[in-house]
Amino acid sequence: NYIVGMGFTSADGIRAVIIALIVSQMMQKYA
C-alpha cells in the first residue's frame, strides 16, 4: 500500500499523468 501510494501521490504524479496522456496521443496504430 505504501509503494502504490508513493507511485502517483507525490508532487510529480500529475506531471507523470499529463506526460502519459500526451504520449498516448502520439502512438501509432500498431505500436
All heavy atoms as atom14 arrays in JSON, in Angstrom:
{
  "sequence": "NYIVGMGFTSADGIRAVIIALIVSQMMQKYA",
  "atom14_mask": [
    [1, 1, 1, 1, 1, 1, 1, 1, 0, 0, 0, 0, 0, 0],
    [1, 1, 1, 1, 1, 1, 1, 1, 1, 1, 1, 1, 0, 0],
    [1, 1, 1, 1, 1, 1, 1, 1, 0, 0, 0, 0, 0, 0],
    [1, 1, 1, 1, 1, 1, 1, 0, 0, 0, 0, 0, 0, 0],
    [1, 1, 1, 1, 0, 0, 0, 0, 0, 0, 0, 0, 0, 0],
    [1, 1, 1, 1, 1, 1, 1, 1, 0, 0, 0, 0, 0, 0],
    [1, 1, 1, 1, 0, 0, 0, 0, 0, 0, 0, 0, 0, 0],
    [1, 1, 1, 1, 1, 1, 1, 1, 1, 1, 1, 0, 0, 0],
    [1, 1, 1, 1, 1, 1, 1, 0, 0, 0, 0, 0, 0, 0],
    [1, 1, 1, 1, 1, 1, 0, 0, 0, 0, 0, 0, 0, 0],
    [1, 1, 1, 1, 1, 0, 0, 0, 0, 0, 0, 0, 0, 0],
    [1, 1, 1, 1, 1, 1, 1, 1, 0, 0, 0, 0, 0, 0],
    [1, 1, 1, 1, 0, 0, 0, 0, 0, 0, 0, 0, 0, 0],
    [1, 1, 1, 1, 1, 1, 1, 1, 0, 0, 0, 0, 0, 0],
    [1, 1, 1, 1, 1, 1, 1, 1, 1, 1, 1, 0, 0, 0],
    [1, 1, 1, 1, 1, 0, 0, 0, 0, 0, 0, 0, 0, 0],
    [1, 1, 1, 1, 1, 1, 1, 0, 0, 0, 0, 0, 0, 0],
    [1, 1, 1, 1, 1, 1, 1, 1, 0, 0, 0, 0, 0, 0],
    [1, 1, 1, 1, 1, 1, 1, 1, 0, 0, 0, 0, 0, 0],
    [1, 1, 1, 1, 1, 0, 0, 0, 0, 0, 0, 0, 0, 0],
    [1, 1, 1, 1, 1, 1, 1, 1, 0, 0, 0, 0, 0, 0],
    [1, 1, 1, 1, 1, 1, 1, 1, 0, 0, 0, 0, 0, 0],
    [1, 1, 1, 1, 1, 1, 1, 0, 0, 0, 0, 0, 0, 0],
    [1, 1, 1, 1, 1, 1, 0, 0, 0, 0, 0, 0, 0, 0],
    [1, 1, 1, 1, 1, 1, 1, 1, 1, 0, 0, 0, 0, 0],
    [1, 1, 1, 1, 1, 1, 1, 1, 0, 0, 0, 0, 0, 0],
    [1, 1, 1, 1, 1, 1, 1, 1, 0, 0, 0, 0, 0, 0],
    [1, 1, 1, 1, 1, 1, 1, 1, 1, 0, 0, 0, 0, 0],
    [1, 1, 1, 1, 1, 1, 1, 1, 1, 0, 0, 0, 0, 0],
    [1, 1, 1, 1, 1, 1, 1, 1, 1, 1, 1, 1, 0, 0],
    [1, 1, 1, 1, 1, 0, 0, 0, 0, 0, 0, 0, 0, 0]
  ],
  "atom14_positions": [
    [[0.83, -1.21, 0.0], [0.0, 0.0, 0.0], [0.87, 1.26, 0.0], [0.55, 2.24, -0.66], [-0.93, 0.01, 1.21], [-2.05, -0.98, 1.07], [-2.42, -1.37, -0.03], [-2.59, -1.42, 2.19], [0.0, 0.0, 0.0], [0.0, 0.0, 0.0], [0.0, 0.0, 0.0], [0.0, 0.0, 0.0], [0.0, 0.0, 0.0], [0.0, 0.0, 0.0]],
    [[1.96, 1.22, 0.75], [2.87, 2.38, 0.79], [3.52, 2.62, -0.56], [3.58, 3.75, -1.05], [3.95, 2.15, 1.86], [5.0, 3.21, 1.87], [4.74, 4.49, 2.37], [6.28, 2.95, 1.37], [5.7, 5.46, 2.37], [7.25, 3.93, 1.38], [6.96, 5.18, 1.88], [7.92, 6.15, 1.88], [0.0, 0.0, 0.0], [0.0, 0.0, 0.0]],
    [[3.98, 1.54, -1.22], [4.65, 1.66, -2.51], [3.68, 2.18, -3.57], [3.99, 3.08, -4.34], [5.27, 0.32, -2.93], [6.48, 0.02, -2.05], [5.69, 0.33, -4.39], [7.06, -1.35, -2.25], [0.0, 0.0, 0.0], [0.0, 0.0, 0.0], [0.0, 0.0, 0.0], [0.0, 0.0, 0.0], [0.0, 0.0, 0.0], [0.0, 0.0, 0.0]],
    [[2.48, 1.62, -3.61], [1.49, 2.08, -4.58], [1.1, 3.53, -4.31], [0.95, 4.34, -5.22], [0.25, 1.16, -4.58], [-0.86, 1.74, -5.42], [0.62, -0.22, -5.08], [0.0, 0.0, 0.0], [0.0, 0.0, 0.0], [0.0, 0.0, 0.0], [0.0, 0.0, 0.0], [0.0, 0.0, 0.0], [0.0, 0.0, 0.0], [0.0, 0.0, 0.0]],
    [[0.97, 3.88, -3.04], [0.64, 5.26, -2.69], [1.73, 6.24, -3.1], [1.45, 7.35, -3.53], [0.0, 0.0, 0.0], [0.0, 0.0, 0.0], [0.0, 0.0, 0.0], [0.0, 0.0, 0.0], [0.0, 0.0, 0.0], [0.0, 0.0, 0.0], [0.0, 0.0, 0.0], [0.0, 0.0, 0.0], [0.0, 0.0, 0.0], [0.0, 0.0, 0.0]],
    [[2.99, 5.84, -2.99], [4.1, 6.71, -3.36], [4.24, 6.85, -4.87], [4.8, 7.82, -5.35], [5.42, 6.16, -2.8], [5.56, 6.33, -1.31], [5.62, 8.03, -0.81], [7.17, 8.54, -1.53], [0.0, 0.0, 0.0], [0.0, 0.0, 0.0], [0.0, 0.0, 0.0], [0.0, 0.0, 0.0], [0.0, 0.0, 0.0], [0.0, 0.0, 0.0]],
    [[3.71, 5.91, -5.64], [3.88, 5.93, -7.09], [3.27, 7.14, -7.75], [3.86, 7.74, -8.63], [0.0, 0.0, 0.0], [0.0, 0.0, 0.0], [0.0, 0.0, 0.0], [0.0, 0.0, 0.0], [0.0, 0.0, 0.0], [0.0, 0.0, 0.0], [0.0, 0.0, 0.0], [0.0, 0.0, 0.0], [0.0, 0.0, 0.0], [0.0, 0.0, 0.0]],
    [[2.07, 7.54, -7.33], [1.4, 8.64, -8.02], [0.82, 9.7, -7.1], [0.18, 10.61, -7.57], [0.28, 8.09, -8.91], [0.79, 7.54, -10.2], [0.98, 6.19, -10.35], [1.11, 8.39, -11.24], [1.47, 5.69, -11.53], [1.61, 7.89, -12.42], [1.79, 6.54, -12.57], [0.0, 0.0, 0.0], [0.0, 0.0, 0.0], [0.0, 0.0, 0.0]],
    [[1.04, 9.61, -5.81], [0.51, 10.65, -4.93], [1.57, 11.69, -4.57], [1.29, 12.6, -3.84], [-0.05, 10.05, -3.63], [0.99, 9.32, -2.98], [-1.23, 9.16, -3.91], [0.0, 0.0, 0.0], [0.0, 0.0, 0.0], [0.0, 0.0, 0.0], [0.0, 0.0, 0.0], [0.0, 0.0, 0.0], [0.0, 0.0, 0.0], [0.0, 0.0, 0.0]],
    [[2.76, 11.54, -5.12], [3.79, 12.52, -4.83], [3.51, 13.8, -5.63], [2.57, 13.88, -6.41], [5.16, 11.95, -5.18], [5.2, 11.61, -6.54], [0.0, 0.0, 0.0], [0.0, 0.0, 0.0], [0.0, 0.0, 0.0], [0.0, 0.0, 0.0], [0.0, 0.0, 0.0], [0.0, 0.0, 0.0], [0.0, 0.0, 0.0], [0.0, 0.0, 0.0]],
    [[4.32, 14.79, -5.43], [4.09, 16.09, -6.07], [4.19, 16.02, -7.58], [3.58, 16.81, -8.28], [5.1, 17.1, -5.53], [0.0, 0.0, 0.0], [0.0, 0.0, 0.0], [0.0, 0.0, 0.0], [0.0, 0.0, 0.0], [0.0, 0.0, 0.0], [0.0, 0.0, 0.0], [0.0, 0.0, 0.0], [0.0, 0.0, 0.0], [0.0, 0.0, 0.0]],
    [[4.96, 15.07, -8.11], [5.12, 14.99, -9.56], [4.2, 13.94, -10.19], [4.38, 13.6, -11.35], [6.57, 14.72, -9.93], [7.11, 13.45, -9.31], [6.46, 12.91, -8.42], [8.19, 13.01, -9.73], [0.0, 0.0, 0.0], [0.0, 0.0, 0.0], [0.0, 0.0, 0.0], [0.0, 0.0, 0.0], [0.0, 0.0, 0.0], [0.0, 0.0, 0.0]],
    [[3.22, 13.46, -9.47], [2.28, 12.48, -10.02], [1.42, 13.04, -11.13], [1.17, 12.37, -12.14], [0.0, 0.0, 0.0], [0.0, 0.0, 0.0], [0.0, 0.0, 0.0], [0.0, 0.0, 0.0], [0.0, 0.0, 0.0], [0.0, 0.0, 0.0], [0.0, 0.0, 0.0], [0.0, 0.0, 0.0], [0.0, 0.0, 0.0], [0.0, 0.0, 0.0]],
    [[0.98, 14.27, -10.98], [0.16, 14.91, -12.02], [0.98, 15.1, -13.29], [0.49, 14.88, -14.39], [-0.4, 16.25, -11.5], [-1.37, 15.99, -10.35], [-1.06, 17.03, -12.61], [-1.83, 17.22, -9.63], [0.0, 0.0, 0.0], [0.0, 0.0, 0.0], [0.0, 0.0, 0.0], [0.0, 0.0, 0.0], [0.0, 0.0, 0.0], [0.0, 0.0, 0.0]],
    [[2.25, 15.46, -13.12], [3.13, 15.61, -14.28], [3.26, 14.28, -15.04], [3.22, 14.26, -16.26], [4.51, 16.08, -13.83], [5.47, 16.31, -14.98], [6.85, 16.64, -14.51], [7.46, 15.44, -13.97], [8.34, 15.43, -12.99], [8.72, 16.54, -12.42], [8.86, 14.3, -12.56], [0.0, 0.0, 0.0], [0.0, 0.0, 0.0], [0.0, 0.0, 0.0]],
    [[3.38, 13.17, -14.31], [3.5, 11.86, -14.96], [2.23, 11.5, -15.73], [2.3, 10.96, -16.84], [3.8, 10.79, -13.91], [0.0, 0.0, 0.0], [0.0, 0.0, 0.0], [0.0, 0.0, 0.0], [0.0, 0.0, 0.0], [0.0, 0.0, 0.0], [0.0, 0.0, 0.0], [0.0, 0.0, 0.0], [0.0, 0.0, 0.0], [0.0, 0.0, 0.0]],
    [[1.08, 11.82, -15.17], [-0.19, 11.53, -15.86], [-0.3, 12.37, -17.13], [-0.7, 11.87, -18.18], [-1.38, 11.79, -14.9], [-2.7, 11.73, -15.64], [-1.37, 10.8, -13.76], [0.0, 0.0, 0.0], [0.0, 0.0, 0.0], [0.0, 0.0, 0.0], [0.0, 0.0, 0.0], [0.0, 0.0, 0.0], [0.0, 0.0, 0.0], [0.0, 0.0, 0.0]],
    [[0.07, 13.64, -17.06], [0.0, 14.51, -18.24], [0.95, 14.02, -19.32], [0.58, 13.96, -20.5], [0.28, 15.98, -17.85], [-0.86, 16.51, -16.99], [0.5, 16.85, -19.08], [-0.6, 17.86, -16.37], [0.0, 0.0, 0.0], [0.0, 0.0, 0.0], [0.0, 0.0, 0.0], [0.0, 0.0, 0.0], [0.0, 0.0, 0.0], [0.0, 0.0, 0.0]],
    [[2.17, 13.66, -18.95], [3.13, 13.15, -19.92], [2.6, 11.87, -20.56], [2.69, 11.68, -21.78], [4.5, 12.91, -19.26], [5.15, 14.24, -18.91], [5.42, 12.09, -20.17], [6.4, 14.11, -18.06], [0.0, 0.0, 0.0], [0.0, 0.0, 0.0], [0.0, 0.0, 0.0], [0.0, 0.0, 0.0], [0.0, 0.0, 0.0], [0.0, 0.0, 0.0]],
    [[2.02, 10.97, -19.75], [1.5, 9.72, -20.28], [0.35, 9.96, -21.26], [0.27, 9.3, -22.31], [1.03, 8.82, -19.14], [0.0, 0.0, 0.0], [0.0, 0.0, 0.0], [0.0, 0.0, 0.0], [0.0, 0.0, 0.0], [0.0, 0.0, 0.0], [0.0, 0.0, 0.0], [0.0, 0.0, 0.0], [0.0, 0.0, 0.0], [0.0, 0.0, 0.0]],
    [[-0.53, 10.89, -20.95], [-1.64, 11.17, -21.86], [-1.16, 11.82, -23.16], [-1.69, 11.53, -24.24], [-2.67, 12.07, -21.17], [-3.49, 11.37, -20.08], [-4.39, 12.37, -19.37], [-4.32, 10.24, -20.67], [0.0, 0.0, 0.0], [0.0, 0.0, 0.0], [0.0, 0.0, 0.0], [0.0, 0.0, 0.0], [0.0, 0.0, 0.0], [0.0, 0.0, 0.0]],
    [[-0.16, 12.68, -23.08], [0.39, 13.29, -24.3], [1.04, 12.22, -25.17], [0.85, 12.19, -26.38], [1.37, 14.42, -23.94], [0.6, 15.61, -23.36], [2.18, 14.85, -25.16], [1.47, 16.7, -22.79], [0.0, 0.0, 0.0], [0.0, 0.0, 0.0], [0.0, 0.0, 0.0], [0.0, 0.0, 0.0], [0.0, 0.0, 0.0], [0.0, 0.0, 0.0]],
    [[1.81, 11.33, -24.55], [2.47, 10.27, -25.31], [1.44, 9.33, -25.92], [1.62, 8.84, -27.04], [3.49, 9.52, -24.42], [3.97, 8.25, -25.08], [4.67, 10.42, -24.11], [0.0, 0.0, 0.0], [0.0, 0.0, 0.0], [0.0, 0.0, 0.0], [0.0, 0.0, 0.0], [0.0, 0.0, 0.0], [0.0, 0.0, 0.0], [0.0, 0.0, 0.0]],
    [[0.34, 9.08, -25.21], [-0.68, 8.18, -25.75], [-1.32, 8.75, -27.02], [-1.77, 8.0, -27.88], [-1.76, 7.89, -24.71], [-2.57, 9.02, -24.5], [0.0, 0.0, 0.0], [0.0, 0.0, 0.0], [0.0, 0.0, 0.0], [0.0, 0.0, 0.0], [0.0, 0.0, 0.0], [0.0, 0.0, 0.0], [0.0, 0.0, 0.0], [0.0, 0.0, 0.0]],
    [[-1.33, 10.05, -27.15], [-1.89, 10.66, -28.35], [-0.93, 10.61, -29.53], [-1.33, 10.79, -30.67], [-2.3, 12.11, -28.07], [-3.34, 12.24, -26.98], [-4.56, 11.37, -27.22], [-5.15, 11.41, -28.29], [-4.91, 10.56, -26.23], [0.0, 0.0, 0.0], [0.0, 0.0, 0.0], [0.0, 0.0, 0.0], [0.0, 0.0, 0.0], [0.0, 0.0, 0.0]],
    [[0.35, 10.36, -29.27], [1.35, 10.27, -30.33], [1.57, 8.85, -30.83], [2.32, 8.65, -31.77], [2.68, 10.84, -29.83], [2.63, 12.32, -29.59], [4.26, 13.0, -29.24], [4.44, 12.59, -27.53], [0.0, 0.0, 0.0], [0.0, 0.0, 0.0], [0.0, 0.0, 0.0], [0.0, 0.0, 0.0], [0.0, 0.0, 0.0], [0.0, 0.0, 0.0]],
    [[0.93, 7.87, -30.21], [1.17, 6.47, -30.58], [0.65, 6.16, -31.97], [-0.37, 6.69, -32.39], [0.5, 5.54, -29.57], [1.24, 5.39, -28.28], [0.44, 4.24, -27.16], [0.5, 2.74, -28.1], [0.0, 0.0, 0.0], [0.0, 0.0, 0.0], [0.0, 0.0, 0.0], [0.0, 0.0, 0.0], [0.0, 0.0, 0.0], [0.0, 0.0, 0.0]],
    [[1.36, 5.26, -32.64], [0.92, 4.77, -33.94], [-0.06, 3.61, -33.73], [-0.21, 3.1, -32.62], [2.13, 4.29, -34.74], [3.17, 5.36, -34.97], [2.66, 6.49, -35.84], [1.92, 6.24, -36.78], [3.03, 7.71, -35.52], [0.0, 0.0, 0.0], [0.0, 0.0, 0.0], [0.0, 0.0, 0.0], [0.0, 0.0, 0.0], [0.0, 0.0, 0.0]],
    [[-0.69, 3.15, -34.8], [-1.74, 2.15, -34.68], [-1.24, 0.82, -34.14], [-1.86, 0.22, -33.28], [-2.41, 1.95, -36.05], [-3.61, 1.05, -35.99], [-4.33, 1.02, -37.31], [-5.59, 0.19, -37.19], [-6.35, 0.2, -38.42], [0.0, 0.0, 0.0], [0.0, 0.0, 0.0], [0.0, 0.0, 0.0], [0.0, 0.0, 0.0], [0.0, 0.0, 0.0]],
    [[-0.11, 0.32, -34.63], [0.39, -0.99, -34.22], [1.64, -0.87, -33.36], [2.54, -1.68, -33.45], [0.67, -1.86, -35.44], [-0.57, -2.15, -36.23], [-0.8, -1.54, -37.45], [-1.54, -3.0, -35.73], [-1.95, -1.79, -38.17], [-2.7, -3.26, -36.44], [-2.89, -2.66, -37.66], [-4.03, -2.91, -38.35], [0.0, 0.0, 0.0], [0.0, 0.0, 0.0]],
    [[1.69, 0.13, -32.53], [2.87, 0.38, -31.7], [2.86, -0.5, -30.45], [1.81, -0.95, -29.99], [2.9, 1.84, -31.29], [0.0, 0.0, 0.0], [0.0, 0.0, 0.0], [0.0, 0.0, 0.0], [0.0, 0.0, 0.0], [0.0, 0.0, 0.0], [0.0, 0.0, 0.0], [0.0, 0.0, 0.0], [0.0, 0.0, 0.0], [0.0, 0.0, 0.0]]
  ]
}
